[in-house]
Amino acid sequence: MMFPFSYLIFFFFLIMGVLISISSPSWFGVWIGLELNLMSFIPLISLKMNSYFSEAALKYFLIQAMGSALLISSSFLFISLSHISSFLILFSLLLKMGSAPFHFWFPQVMEGILWPQVFLLSTIQKVAPLTLVSYLMISETLSKLLIFTAISSAIVGALGGLNLMFLRKIIAFSSINHLSWMLIAVSMSDTFWLFYFLIYSLILLSITSMFYKLQTYTLSSLIQSDQNKSLFLLVISFNFLSLSGLPPFTGFVPKWMLIQIMLDQKLFFPIFFLLLSALITLYFYLRIIIPFILVLNPSMSFNKNFKSPTFSSPSLIMKTSFNFLGLLLPIYSLLL
């Protein structure tokens, strides 16, 4: 997934904005870093002169500007009204990362961008807000509020992805659901959410790279792309099963570790909703996988003249093989 060479300067300032935000000693410095990150990501969205890209860039800009305005205005109250200010800052960060109940903009923006931008929006753009949320975990009330937000994100991400035909919207609601696991991890550990985030980013990288090579954005076009190859079926299936956290794939490892930590802290109520949402997300992942199994029958095959160059790339094979680590190596046995 390559951008033009001239856009490397925007990548530099994108990462620089994240580093400024997470390392700043004041909320004003945090706001500057977030604004730098925002202004660097807008050109990456509107890479081509297209009405869909422009609409997505405008929506993203307006929502992020609203979150930045709430952040900088509520930070002024931090000295005199620290509790109220902390709540408002938390709400602004949740709005910026697209967490429920402030998720309404996230699927709409995801639907209007390309797969490389989908990966950036689902991963790198959430690093700074998640890190800043971990800085706010200074009271038990904020931790309980964050757990409630995580439960809401789990429910919204699971139910919102049902009966969808557009792959980018499915990935968007999947990202909201995974964000609920990361928010729970943030409320309990300062470092474990980074491990979960890293595993999720690598799995999503393999999926978005594959969809970018295929240039497919709907479930029907994905089914018609290259269904005659069993390797294609296996890679698609393993990617989504790993993303769902089904054992023994790699995506199961961080979820199992987080469940063990939550059981130690007796957080049974959030565990119930997280596991229920994981089961529902597994259902709409299976909706993507099952058609491949059906069309493997030669009598149902069509579009046989299509030849896909997807798996000729060694880098794509290397990205995809990350999902098989849970199968090839007994990583999960180390957690017993």
C-alpha atoms as a PDB file:
ATOM      1  CA  MET A   1       0.000   0.000   0.000  1.00  0.00           C
ATOM      2  CA  MET A   2       1.993   2.896  -1.324  1.00  0.00           C
ATOM      3  CA  PHE A   3       1.357   6.637  -1.335  1.00  0.00           C
ATOM      4  CA  PRO A   4       3.093   9.007  -3.760  1.00  0.00           C
ATOM      5  CA  PHE A   5       6.607   9.945  -2.698  1.00  0.00           C
ATOM      6  CA  SER A   6       5.615  13.597  -2.331  1.00  0.00           C
ATOM      7  CA  TYR A   7       3.221  12.629   0.469  1.00  0.00           C
ATOM      8  CA  LEU A   8       6.005  11.380   2.749  1.00  0.00           C
ATOM      9  CA  ILE A   9       6.157  14.832   4.327  1.00  0.00           C
ATOM     10  CA  PHE A  10       2.560  14.357   5.499  1.00  0.00           C
ATOM     11  CA  PHE A  11       3.485  10.985   7.007  1.00  0.00           C
ATOM     12  CA  PHE A  12       6.345  12.661   8.864  1.00  0.00           C
ATOM     13  CA  PHE A  13       4.092  15.327  10.385  1.00  0.00           C
ATOM     14  CA  LEU A  14       1.413  12.701  11.061  1.00  0.00           C
ATOM     15  CA  ILE A  15       3.798  10.735  13.277  1.00  0.00           C
ATOM     16  CA  MET A  16       5.267  13.938  14.688  1.00  0.00           C
ATOM     17  CA  GLY A  17       1.805  15.074  15.811  1.00  0.00           C
ATOM     18  CA  VAL A  18       1.261  11.773  17.631  1.00  0.00           C
ATOM     19  CA  LEU A  19       4.645  12.035  19.375  1.00  0.00           C
ATOM     20  CA  ILE A  20       4.024  15.657  20.404  1.00  0.00           C
ATOM     21  CA  SER A  21       0.618  14.761  21.859  1.00  0.00           C
ATOM     22  CA  ILE A  22       1.739  11.772  23.938  1.00  0.00           C
ATOM     23  CA  SER A  23       4.906  13.471  25.221  1.00  0.00           C
ATOM     24  CA  SER A  24       3.552  16.937  25.967  1.00  0.00           C
ATOM     25  CA  PRO A  25       3.482  18.054  29.641  1.00  0.00           C
ATOM     26  CA  SER A  26       0.433  20.300  29.112  1.00  0.00           C
ATOM     27  CA  TRP A  27      -2.955  20.010  27.472  1.00  0.00           C
ATOM     28  CA  PHE A  28      -2.090  22.926  25.210  1.00  0.00           C
ATOM     29  CA  GLY A  29       0.823  20.933  23.802  1.00  0.00           C
ATOM     30  CA  VAL A  30      -1.515  17.946  23.421  1.00  0.00           C
ATOM     31  CA  TRP A  31      -3.908  20.113  21.423  1.00  0.00           C
ATOM     32  CA  ILE A  32      -1.085  21.329  19.147  1.00  0.00           C
ATOM     33  CA  GLY A  33       0.014  17.752  18.453  1.00  0.00           C
ATOM     34  CA  LEU A  34      -3.531  16.631  17.671  1.00  0.00           C
ATOM     35  CA  GLU A  35      -4.055  19.571  15.305  1.00  0.00           C
ATOM     36  CA  LEU A  36      -0.781  18.789  13.517  1.00  0.00           C
ATOM     37  CA  ASN A  37      -1.885  15.180  13.200  1.00  0.00           C
ATOM     38  CA  LEU A  38      -5.275  16.272  11.832  1.00  0.00           C
ATOM     39  CA  MET A  39      -3.839  18.640   9.236  1.00  0.00           C
ATOM     40  CA  SER A  40      -1.433  15.936   8.062  1.00  0.00           C
ATOM     41  CA  PHE A  41      -4.115  13.287   7.656  1.00  0.00           C
ATOM     42  CA  ILE A  42      -6.538  15.425   5.620  1.00  0.00           C
ATOM     43  CA  PRO A  43      -4.273  15.490   2.498  1.00  0.00           C
ATOM     44  CA  LEU A  44      -3.818  11.725   2.797  1.00  0.00           C
ATOM     45  CA  ILE A  45      -7.606  11.251   2.647  1.00  0.00           C
ATOM     46  CA  SER A  46      -8.159  13.557  -0.333  1.00  0.00           C
ATOM     47  CA  LEU A  47      -5.361  11.931  -2.317  1.00  0.00           C
ATOM     48  CA  LYS A  48      -7.342  12.205  -5.554  1.00  0.00           C
ATOM     49  CA  MET A  49      -9.802  14.823  -6.758  1.00  0.00           C
ATOM     50  CA  ASN A  50     -12.940  12.848  -6.034  1.00  0.00           C
ATOM     51  CA  SER A  51     -16.242  13.878  -4.462  1.00  0.00           C
ATOM     52  CA  TYR A  52     -16.291  10.825  -2.160  1.00  0.00           C
ATOM     53  CA  PHE A  53     -12.805  11.560  -0.837  1.00  0.00           C
ATOM     54  CA  SER A  54     -13.616  15.249  -0.375  1.00  0.00           C
ATOM     55  CA  GLU A  55     -16.809  14.415   1.526  1.00  0.00           C
ATOM     56  CA  ALA A  56     -14.957  11.984   3.803  1.00  0.00           C
ATOM     57  CA  ALA A  57     -12.189  14.544   4.406  1.00  0.00           C
ATOM     58  CA  LEU A  58     -14.743  17.242   5.267  1.00  0.00           C
ATOM     59  CA  LYS A  59     -16.612  14.968   7.684  1.00  0.00           C
ATOM     60  CA  TYR A  60     -13.371  13.937   9.361  1.00  0.00           C
ATOM     61  CA  PHE A  61     -12.201  17.542   9.646  1.00  0.00           C
ATOM     62  CA  LEU A  62     -15.451  18.774  11.186  1.00  0.00           C
ATOM     63  CA  ILE A  63     -15.605  15.988  13.781  1.00  0.00           C
ATOM     64  CA  GLN A  64     -11.953  16.317  14.724  1.00  0.00           C
ATOM     65  CA  ALA A  65     -12.265  20.111  14.926  1.00  0.00           C
ATOM     66  CA  MET A  66     -15.244  19.683  17.262  1.00  0.00           C
ATOM     67  CA  GLY A  67     -13.237  17.300  19.443  1.00  0.00           C
ATOM     68  CA  SER A  68     -10.246  19.666  19.487  1.00  0.00           C
ATOM     69  CA  ALA A  69     -12.450  22.621  20.437  1.00  0.00           C
ATOM     70  CA  LEU A  70     -13.963  20.639  23.306  1.00  0.00           C
ATOM     71  CA  LEU A  71     -10.499  19.513  24.406  1.00  0.00           C
ATOM     72  CA  ILE A  72      -8.874  22.943  24.499  1.00  0.00           C
ATOM     73  CA  SER A  73     -11.898  24.632  26.095  1.00  0.00           C
ATOM     74  CA  SER A  74     -12.291  21.982  28.818  1.00  0.00           C
ATOM     75  CA  SER A  75      -8.553  22.037  29.580  1.00  0.00           C
ATOM     76  CA  PHE A  76      -8.943  25.674  30.696  1.00  0.00           C
ATOM     77  CA  LEU A  77     -11.104  24.404  33.586  1.00  0.00           C
ATOM     78  CA  PHE A  78      -8.595  21.806  34.721  1.00  0.00           C
ATOM     79  CA  ILE A  79      -7.132  23.918  37.539  1.00  0.00           C
ATOM     80  CA  SER A  80     -10.402  25.148  39.080  1.00  0.00           C
ATOM     81  CA  LEU A  81     -12.821  22.327  38.149  1.00  0.00           C
ATOM     82  CA  SER A  82     -10.577  19.318  37.657  1.00  0.00           C
ATOM     83  CA  HIS A  83     -13.317  16.646  37.854  1.00  0.00           C
ATOM     84  CA  ILE A  84     -15.626  18.280  35.322  1.00  0.00           C
ATOM     85  CA  SER A  85     -12.675  19.076  33.084  1.00  0.00           C
ATOM     86  CA  SER A  86     -11.486  15.458  33.176  1.00  0.00           C
ATOM     87  CA  PHE A  87     -14.911  14.217  32.072  1.00  0.00           C
ATOM     88  CA  LEU A  88     -15.066  16.708  29.195  1.00  0.00           C
ATOM     89  CA  ILE A  89     -11.527  15.884  28.064  1.00  0.00           C
ATOM     90  CA  LEU A  90     -12.383  12.176  28.135  1.00  0.00           C
ATOM     91  CA  PHE A  91     -15.482  12.813  26.000  1.00  0.00           C
ATOM     92  CA  SER A  92     -13.426  14.807  23.483  1.00  0.00           C
ATOM     93  CA  LEU A  93     -10.869  11.986  23.175  1.00  0.00           C
ATOM     94  CA  LEU A  94     -13.617   9.388  22.764  1.00  0.00           C
ATOM     95  CA  LEU A  95     -15.108  11.532  20.008  1.00  0.00           C
ATOM     96  CA  LYS A  96     -11.748  11.750  18.262  1.00  0.00           C
ATOM     97  CA  MET A  97     -11.174   7.990  18.251  1.00  0.00           C
ATOM     98  CA  GLY A  98     -14.745   7.106  17.234  1.00  0.00           C
ATOM     99  CA  SER A  99     -15.800   5.261  20.359  1.00  0.00           C
ATOM    100  CA  ALA A 100     -19.457   4.735  21.240  1.00  0.00           C
ATOM    101  CA  PRO A 101     -21.624   6.719  21.838  1.00  0.00           C
ATOM    102  CA  PHE A 102     -19.612   9.118  19.614  1.00  0.00           C
ATOM    103  CA  HIS A 103     -19.155   6.596  16.820  1.00  0.00           C
ATOM    104  CA  PHE A 104     -21.670   8.006  14.318  1.00  0.00           C
ATOM    105  CA  TRP A 105     -19.004   9.571  12.067  1.00  0.00           C
ATOM    106  CA  PHE A 106     -16.568   6.678  11.934  1.00  0.00           C
ATOM    107  CA  PRO A 107     -18.335   4.269   9.494  1.00  0.00           C
ATOM    108  CA  GLN A 108     -19.314   7.152   7.210  1.00  0.00           C
ATOM    109  CA  VAL A 109     -15.747   8.389   6.915  1.00  0.00           C
ATOM    110  CA  MET A 110     -14.424   4.846   6.434  1.00  0.00           C
ATOM    111  CA  GLU A 111     -16.847   4.270   3.557  1.00  0.00           C
ATOM    112  CA  GLY A 112     -15.411   7.192   1.581  1.00  0.00           C
ATOM    113  CA  ILE A 113     -11.680   6.398   1.762  1.00  0.00           C
ATOM    114  CA  LEU A 114      -9.305   3.838   0.260  1.00  0.00           C
ATOM    115  CA  TRP A 115      -7.847   0.808   2.022  1.00  0.00           C
ATOM    116  CA  PRO A 116      -4.494   2.411   2.962  1.00  0.00           C
ATOM    117  CA  GLN A 117      -6.363   5.266   4.653  1.00  0.00           C
ATOM    118  CA  VAL A 118      -8.666   2.725   6.319  1.00  0.00           C
ATOM    119  CA  PHE A 119      -5.619   1.154   7.952  1.00  0.00           C
ATOM    120  CA  LEU A 120      -4.248   4.525   9.095  1.00  0.00           C
ATOM    121  CA  LEU A 121      -7.592   5.678  10.490  1.00  0.00           C
ATOM    122  CA  SER A 122      -8.117   2.412  12.390  1.00  0.00           C
ATOM    123  CA  THR A 123      -4.616   2.218  13.875  1.00  0.00           C
ATOM    124  CA  ILE A 124      -2.229   5.190  13.880  1.00  0.00           C
ATOM    125  CA  GLN A 125      -4.963   7.785  14.351  1.00  0.00           C
ATOM    126  CA  LYS A 126      -6.017   6.079  17.599  1.00  0.00           C
ATOM    127  CA  VAL A 127      -2.585   5.972  19.233  1.00  0.00           C
ATOM    128  CA  ALA A 128      -2.641   9.510  20.622  1.00  0.00           C
ATOM    129  CA  PRO A 129      -6.257   9.466  21.966  1.00  0.00           C
ATOM    130  CA  LEU A 130      -5.768   6.060  23.619  1.00  0.00           C
ATOM    131  CA  THR A 131      -2.509   7.173  25.224  1.00  0.00           C
ATOM    132  CA  LEU A 132      -4.114  10.374  26.502  1.00  0.00           C
ATOM    133  CA  VAL A 133      -7.064   8.401  27.883  1.00  0.00           C
ATOM    134  CA  SER A 134      -4.585   6.267  29.842  1.00  0.00           C
ATOM    135  CA  TYR A 135      -3.179   9.482  31.351  1.00  0.00           C
ATOM    136  CA  LEU A 136      -6.686  10.388  32.586  1.00  0.00           C
ATOM    137  CA  MET A 137      -7.159   7.180  34.598  1.00  0.00           C
ATOM    138  CA  ILE A 138      -6.519   8.965  37.901  1.00  0.00           C
ATOM    139  CA  SER A 139      -9.829   8.233  39.604  1.00  0.00           C
ATOM    140  CA  GLU A 140     -12.157   5.289  40.011  1.00  0.00           C
ATOM    141  CA  THR A 141     -15.079   7.249  38.535  1.00  0.00           C
ATOM    142  CA  LEU A 142     -13.258   7.812  35.254  1.00  0.00           C
ATOM    143  CA  SER A 143     -12.296   4.132  35.126  1.00  0.00           C
ATOM    144  CA  LYS A 144     -15.930   3.064  35.577  1.00  0.00           C
ATOM    145  CA  LEU A 145     -17.040   5.546  32.921  1.00  0.00           C
ATOM    146  CA  LEU A 146     -14.436   4.161  30.533  1.00  0.00           C
ATOM    147  CA  ILE A 147     -15.619   0.593  31.199  1.00  0.00           C
ATOM    148  CA  PHE A 148     -19.197   1.679  30.454  1.00  0.00           C
ATOM    149  CA  THR A 149     -17.998   3.277  27.213  1.00  0.00           C
ATOM    150  CA  ALA A 150     -16.153   0.057  26.332  1.00  0.00           C
ATOM    151  CA  ILE A 151     -19.352  -1.970  26.840  1.00  0.00           C
ATOM    152  CA  SER A 152     -21.255   0.474  24.616  1.00  0.00           C
ATOM    153  CA  SER A 153     -18.575   0.199  21.920  1.00  0.00           C
ATOM    154  CA  ALA A 154     -18.709  -3.595  22.097  1.00  0.00           C
ATOM    155  CA  ILE A 155     -22.489  -3.625  21.594  1.00  0.00           C
ATOM    156  CA  VAL A 156     -22.462  -1.006  18.822  1.00  0.00           C
ATOM    157  CA  GLY A 157     -19.544  -2.633  16.996  1.00  0.00           C
ATOM    158  CA  ALA A 158     -21.212  -6.053  17.117  1.00  0.00           C
ATOM    159  CA  LEU A 159     -24.763  -5.065  16.151  1.00  0.00           C
ATOM    160  CA  GLY A 160     -23.752  -2.412  13.627  1.00  0.00           C
ATOM    161  CA  GLY A 161     -21.834  -4.864  11.467  1.00  0.00           C
ATOM    162  CA  LEU A 162     -24.761  -7.210  10.909  1.00  0.00           C
ATOM    163  CA  ASN A 163     -26.259  -7.538   7.410  1.00  0.00           C
ATOM    164  CA  LEU A 164     -23.722  -5.221   5.784  1.00  0.00           C
ATOM    165  CA  MET A 165     -22.434  -5.754   2.232  1.00  0.00           C
ATOM    166  CA  PHE A 166     -19.739  -3.077   2.215  1.00  0.00           C
ATOM    167  CA  LEU A 167     -16.367  -4.312   3.440  1.00  0.00           C
ATOM    168  CA  ARG A 168     -15.146  -0.925   4.664  1.00  0.00           C
ATOM    169  CA  LYS A 169     -18.206  -0.529   6.896  1.00  0.00           C
ATOM    170  CA  ILE A 170     -17.696  -4.053   8.231  1.00  0.00           C
ATOM    171  CA  ILE A 171     -14.087  -3.188   9.072  1.00  0.00           C
ATOM    172  CA  ALA A 172     -15.286   0.089  10.660  1.00  0.00           C
ATOM    173  CA  PHE A 173     -17.694  -1.623  13.066  1.00  0.00           C
ATOM    174  CA  SER A 174     -15.079  -4.308  13.690  1.00  0.00           C
ATOM    175  CA  SER A 175     -12.657  -1.534  14.662  1.00  0.00           C
ATOM    176  CA  ILE A 176     -15.234  -0.082  17.078  1.00  0.00           C
ATOM    177  CA  ASN A 177     -15.633  -3.521  18.646  1.00  0.00           C
ATOM    178  CA  HIS A 178     -11.875  -4.001  19.019  1.00  0.00           C
ATOM    179  CA  LEU A 179     -11.653  -0.510  20.470  1.00  0.00           C
ATOM    180  CA  SER A 180     -13.863  -1.704  23.341  1.00  0.00           C
ATOM    181  CA  TRP A 181     -11.242  -4.326  24.262  1.00  0.00           C
ATOM    182  CA  MET A 182      -8.503  -1.699  24.115  1.00  0.00           C
ATOM    183  CA  LEU A 183     -10.485   0.704  26.319  1.00  0.00           C
ATOM    184  CA  ILE A 184     -10.927  -2.026  28.919  1.00  0.00           C
ATOM    185  CA  ALA A 185      -7.178  -2.686  28.744  1.00  0.00           C
ATOM    186  CA  VAL A 186      -6.465   1.044  29.148  1.00  0.00           C
ATOM    187  CA  SER A 187      -8.566   1.168  32.335  1.00  0.00           C
ATOM    188  CA  MET A 188      -6.527  -1.662  33.882  1.00  0.00           C
ATOM    189  CA  SER A 189      -3.002  -1.487  32.472  1.00  0.00           C
ATOM    190  CA  ASP A 190      -0.832   1.211  30.918  1.00  0.00           C
ATOM    191  CA  THR A 191       1.095  -1.191  28.708  1.00  0.00           C
ATOM    192  CA  PHE A 192      -1.191  -4.121  27.886  1.00  0.00           C
ATOM    193  CA  TRP A 193      -3.366  -2.115  25.525  1.00  0.00           C
ATOM    194  CA  LEU A 194      -0.242  -1.476  23.443  1.00  0.00           C
ATOM    195  CA  PHE A 195       0.221  -5.222  23.033  1.00  0.00           C
ATOM    196  CA  TYR A 196      -3.414  -5.645  21.985  1.00  0.00           C
ATOM    197  CA  PHE A 197      -3.110  -2.660  19.648  1.00  0.00           C
ATOM    198  CA  LEU A 198       0.019  -4.088  18.022  1.00  0.00           C
ATOM    199  CA  ILE A 199      -1.583  -7.485  17.369  1.00  0.00           C
ATOM    200  CA  TYR A 200      -4.729  -5.845  15.978  1.00  0.00           C
ATOM    201  CA  SER A 201      -2.698  -3.533  13.731  1.00  0.00           C
ATOM    202  CA  LEU A 202      -0.718  -6.405  12.201  1.00  0.00           C
ATOM    203  CA  ILE A 203      -3.868  -8.444  11.528  1.00  0.00           C
ATOM    204  CA  LEU A 204      -5.635  -5.453   9.998  1.00  0.00           C
ATOM    205  CA  LEU A 205      -2.560  -4.715   7.877  1.00  0.00           C
ATOM    206  CA  SER A 206      -2.778  -8.147   6.268  1.00  0.00           C
ATOM    207  CA  ILE A 207      -6.517  -7.746   5.561  1.00  0.00           C
ATOM    208  CA  THR A 208      -6.332  -4.226   4.124  1.00  0.00           C
ATOM    209  CA  SER A 209      -3.264  -5.133   2.028  1.00  0.00           C
ATOM    210  CA  MET A 210      -5.145  -8.039   0.503  1.00  0.00           C
ATOM    211  CA  PHE A 211      -8.256  -5.973  -0.236  1.00  0.00           C
ATOM    212  CA  TYR A 212      -6.095  -3.198  -1.690  1.00  0.00           C
ATOM    213  CA  LYS A 213      -4.423  -5.667  -4.071  1.00  0.00           C
ATOM    214  CA  LEU A 214      -7.816  -6.999  -5.111  1.00  0.00           C
ATOM    215  CA  GLN A 215      -9.342  -3.495  -5.330  1.00  0.00           C
ATOM    216  CA  THR A 216     -12.558  -4.836  -3.831  1.00  0.00           C
ATOM    217  CA  TYR A 217     -14.935  -2.913  -1.591  1.00  0.00           C
ATOM    218  CA  THR A 218     -18.095  -5.017  -1.476  1.00  0.00           C
ATOM    219  CA  LEU A 219     -18.829  -8.567  -0.444  1.00  0.00           C
ATOM    220  CA  SER A 220     -20.121  -9.519  -3.905  1.00  0.00           C
ATOM    221  CA  SER A 221     -16.987  -8.293  -5.694  1.00  0.00           C
ATOM    222  CA  LEU A 222     -14.838 -10.152  -3.168  1.00  0.00           C
ATOM    223  CA  ILE A 223     -16.688 -13.405  -3.877  1.00  0.00           C
ATOM    224  CA  GLN A 224     -16.235 -12.963  -7.624  1.00  0.00           C
ATOM    225  CA  SER A 225     -12.554 -12.058  -7.422  1.00  0.00           C
ATOM    226  CA  ASP A 226     -10.659 -15.355  -7.294  1.00  0.00           C
ATOM    227  CA  GLN A 227     -12.841 -18.003  -5.727  1.00  0.00           C
ATOM    228  CA  ASN A 228     -11.309 -20.917  -7.652  1.00  0.00           C
ATOM    229  CA  LYS A 229      -8.098 -20.929  -5.631  1.00  0.00           C
ATOM    230  CA  SER A 230      -8.117 -22.803  -2.350  1.00  0.00           C
ATOM    231  CA  LEU A 231      -5.184 -20.702  -1.130  1.00  0.00           C
ATOM    232  CA  PHE A 232      -7.310 -17.580  -1.515  1.00  0.00           C
ATOM    233  CA  LEU A 233     -10.042 -19.189   0.581  1.00  0.00           C
ATOM    234  CA  LEU A 234      -7.614 -20.177   3.328  1.00  0.00           C
ATOM    235  CA  VAL A 235      -5.982 -16.763   3.547  1.00  0.00           C
ATOM    236  CA  ILE A 236      -9.317 -14.912   3.662  1.00  0.00           C
ATOM    237  CA  SER A 237     -10.663 -17.318   6.278  1.00  0.00           C
ATOM    238  CA  PHE A 238      -7.579 -17.226   8.504  1.00  0.00           C
ATOM    239  CA  ASN A 239      -7.406 -13.439   8.367  1.00  0.00           C
ATOM    240  CA  PHE A 240     -10.983 -12.945   9.513  1.00  0.00           C
ATOM    241  CA  LEU A 241     -10.922 -15.784  12.048  1.00  0.00           C
ATOM    242  CA  SER A 242      -7.783 -14.281  13.552  1.00  0.00           C
ATOM    243  CA  LEU A 243      -9.427 -10.838  13.596  1.00  0.00           C
ATOM    244  CA  SER A 244     -12.408 -12.330  15.422  1.00  0.00           C
ATOM    245  CA  GLY A 245     -10.132 -13.773  18.113  1.00  0.00           C
ATOM    246  CA  LEU A 246     -11.034 -17.389  17.481  1.00  0.00           C
ATOM    247  CA  PRO A 247      -8.544 -19.832  19.059  1.00  0.00           C
ATOM    248  CA  PRO A 248      -5.894 -20.890  18.220  1.00  0.00           C
ATOM    249  CA  PHE A 249      -5.244 -17.988  15.817  1.00  0.00           C
ATOM    250  CA  THR A 250      -2.958 -15.103  16.747  1.00  0.00           C
ATOM    251  CA  GLY A 251      -5.836 -12.696  17.479  1.00  0.00           C
ATOM    252  CA  PHE A 252      -6.967 -14.960  20.311  1.00  0.00           C
ATOM    253  CA  VAL A 253      -3.798 -14.388  22.376  1.00  0.00           C
ATOM    254  CA  PRO A 254      -4.392 -10.754  23.521  1.00  0.00           C
ATOM    255  CA  LYS A 255      -8.077 -11.420  24.153  1.00  0.00           C
ATOM    256  CA  TRP A 256      -7.298 -14.417  26.347  1.00  0.00           C
ATOM    257  CA  MET A 257      -4.735 -12.417  28.325  1.00  0.00           C
ATOM    258  CA  LEU A 258      -7.216  -9.577  28.806  1.00  0.00           C
ATOM    259  CA  ILE A 259      -9.956 -11.992  29.913  1.00  0.00           C
ATOM    260  CA  GLN A 260      -7.618 -13.473  32.527  1.00  0.00           C
ATOM    261  CA  ILE A 261      -6.803  -9.994  33.867  1.00  0.00           C
ATOM    262  CA  MET A 262     -10.501  -9.084  34.013  1.00  0.00           C
ATOM    263  CA  LEU A 263     -11.305 -12.326  35.853  1.00  0.00           C
ATOM    264  CA  ASP A 264      -8.600 -11.545  38.413  1.00  0.00           C
ATOM    265  CA  GLN A 265     -10.220  -8.145  39.002  1.00  0.00           C
ATOM    266  CA  LYS A 266     -13.732  -9.684  39.092  1.00  0.00           C
ATOM    267  CA  LEU A 267     -15.053  -7.670  36.155  1.00  0.00           C
ATOM    268  CA  PHE A 268     -17.654 -10.287  35.253  1.00  0.00           C
ATOM    269  CA  PHE A 269     -20.252  -7.854  33.898  1.00  0.00           C
ATOM    270  CA  PRO A 270     -17.963  -6.323  31.215  1.00  0.00           C
ATOM    271  CA  ILE A 271     -16.631  -9.788  30.311  1.00  0.00           C
ATOM    272  CA  PHE A 272     -20.156 -10.965  29.501  1.00  0.00           C
ATOM    273  CA  PHE A 273     -20.779  -8.151  27.015  1.00  0.00           C
ATOM    274  CA  LEU A 274     -17.317  -8.382  25.459  1.00  0.00           C
ATOM    275  CA  LEU A 275     -17.620 -12.115  24.866  1.00  0.00           C
ATOM    276  CA  LEU A 276     -21.170 -11.753  23.562  1.00  0.00           C
ATOM    277  CA  SER A 277     -20.047  -9.058  21.139  1.00  0.00           C
ATOM    278  CA  ALA A 278     -17.106 -11.218  20.030  1.00  0.00           C
ATOM    279  CA  LEU A 279     -19.560 -14.002  19.217  1.00  0.00           C
ATOM    280  CA  ILE A 280     -21.729 -11.656  17.140  1.00  0.00           C
ATOM    281  CA  THR A 281     -18.718 -10.269  15.252  1.00  0.00           C
ATOM    282  CA  LEU A 282     -17.651 -13.840  14.520  1.00  0.00           C
ATOM    283  CA  TYR A 283     -21.056 -14.292  12.858  1.00  0.00           C
ATOM    284  CA  PHE A 284     -20.627 -11.464  10.373  1.00  0.00           C
ATOM    285  CA  TYR A 285     -17.059 -12.567   9.684  1.00  0.00           C
ATOM    286  CA  LEU A 286     -18.455 -15.994   8.821  1.00  0.00           C
ATOM    287  CA  ARG A 287     -20.878 -14.291   6.419  1.00  0.00           C
ATOM    288  CA  ILE A 288     -17.785 -13.316   4.430  1.00  0.00           C
ATOM    289  CA  ILE A 289     -16.137 -16.746   4.638  1.00  0.00           C
ATOM    290  CA  ILE A 290     -19.097 -19.069   3.939  1.00  0.00           C
ATOM    291  CA  PRO A 291     -19.732 -17.882   0.325  1.00  0.00           C
ATOM    292  CA  PHE A 292     -16.173 -18.902  -0.566  1.00  0.00           C
ATOM    293  CA  ILE A 293     -16.863 -22.421   0.666  1.00  0.00           C
ATOM    294  CA  LEU A 294     -20.069 -22.562  -1.395  1.00  0.00           C
ATOM    295  CA  VAL A 295     -18.524 -21.377  -4.663  1.00  0.00           C
ATOM    296  CA  LEU A 296     -15.611 -23.821  -4.401  1.00  0.00           C
ATOM    297  CA  ASN A 297     -17.956 -26.341  -6.014  1.00  0.00           C
ATOM    298  CA  PRO A 298     -16.910 -26.396  -9.715  1.00  0.00           C
ATOM    299  CA  SER A 299     -20.541 -26.415 -10.832  1.00  0.00           C
ATOM    300  CA  MET A 300     -21.054 -23.082  -9.054  1.00  0.00           C
ATOM    301  CA  SER A 301     -17.826 -21.450 -10.213  1.00  0.00           C
ATOM    302  CA  PHE A 302     -17.893 -18.467 -12.526  1.00  0.00           C
ATOM    303  CA  ASN A 303     -15.538 -15.756 -13.727  1.00  0.00           C
ATOM    304  CA  LYS A 304     -12.879 -18.377 -14.436  1.00  0.00           C
ATOM    305  CA  ASN A 305     -10.864 -16.158 -16.705  1.00  0.00           C
ATOM    306  CA  PHE A 306     -10.011 -13.793 -13.870  1.00  0.00           C
ATOM    307  CA  LYS A 307      -6.421 -14.045 -12.701  1.00  0.00           C
ATOM    308  CA  SER A 308      -5.491 -12.271  -9.522  1.00  0.00           C
ATOM    309  CA  PRO A 309      -1.897 -11.187  -8.745  1.00  0.00           C
ATOM    310  CA  THR A 310      -2.681 -11.041  -5.050  1.00  0.00           C
ATOM    311  CA  PHE A 311      -0.450 -13.775  -3.733  1.00  0.00           C
ATOM    312  CA  SER A 312       2.549 -13.145  -5.975  1.00  0.00           C
ATOM    313  CA  SER A 313       3.820 -10.509  -3.575  1.00  0.00           C
ATOM    314  CA  PRO A 314       6.213 -11.859  -0.903  1.00  0.00           C
ATOM    315  CA  SER A 315       5.427  -8.904   1.378  1.00  0.00           C
ATOM    316  CA  LEU A 316       1.710  -9.740   1.315  1.00  0.00           C
ATOM    317  CA  ILE A 317       2.425 -13.392   2.098  1.00  0.00           C
ATOM    318  CA  MET A 318       4.633 -12.321   5.006  1.00  0.00           C
ATOM    319  CA  LYS A 319       1.918 -10.018   6.378  1.00  0.00           C
ATOM    320  CA  THR A 320      -0.691 -12.755   6.078  1.00  0.00           C
ATOM    321  CA  SER A 321       1.504 -15.423   7.690  1.00  0.00           C
ATOM    322  CA  PHE A 322       1.400 -13.469  10.947  1.00  0.00           C
ATOM    323  CA  ASN A 323      -2.127 -14.782  11.497  1.00  0.00           C
ATOM    324  CA  PHE A 324      -0.850 -18.356  11.412  1.00  0.00           C
ATOM    325  CA  LEU A 325       1.516 -17.993  14.374  1.00  0.00           C
ATOM    326  CA  GLY A 326      -1.197 -19.225  16.712  1.00  0.00           C
ATOM    327  CA  LEU A 327      -1.469 -22.364  14.589  1.00  0.00           C
ATOM    328  CA  LEU A 328       2.222 -23.016  14.014  1.00  0.00           C
ATOM    329  CA  LEU A 329       3.477 -22.121  17.479  1.00  0.00           C
ATOM    330  CA  PRO A 330       1.700 -22.918  20.782  1.00  0.00           C
ATOM    331  CA  ILE A 331       1.841 -19.295  21.961  1.00  0.00           C
ATOM    332  CA  TYR A 332      -1.327 -19.672  23.954  1.00  0.00           C
ATOM    333  CA  SER A 333       0.193 -22.483  26.053  1.00  0.00           C
ATOM    334  CA  LEU A 334       2.531 -19.940  27.639  1.00  0.00           C
ATOM    335  CA  LEU A 335      -0.497 -18.257  29.217  1.00  0.00           C
ATOM    336  CA  LEU A 336      -1.585 -21.291  31.222  1.00  0.00           C
END
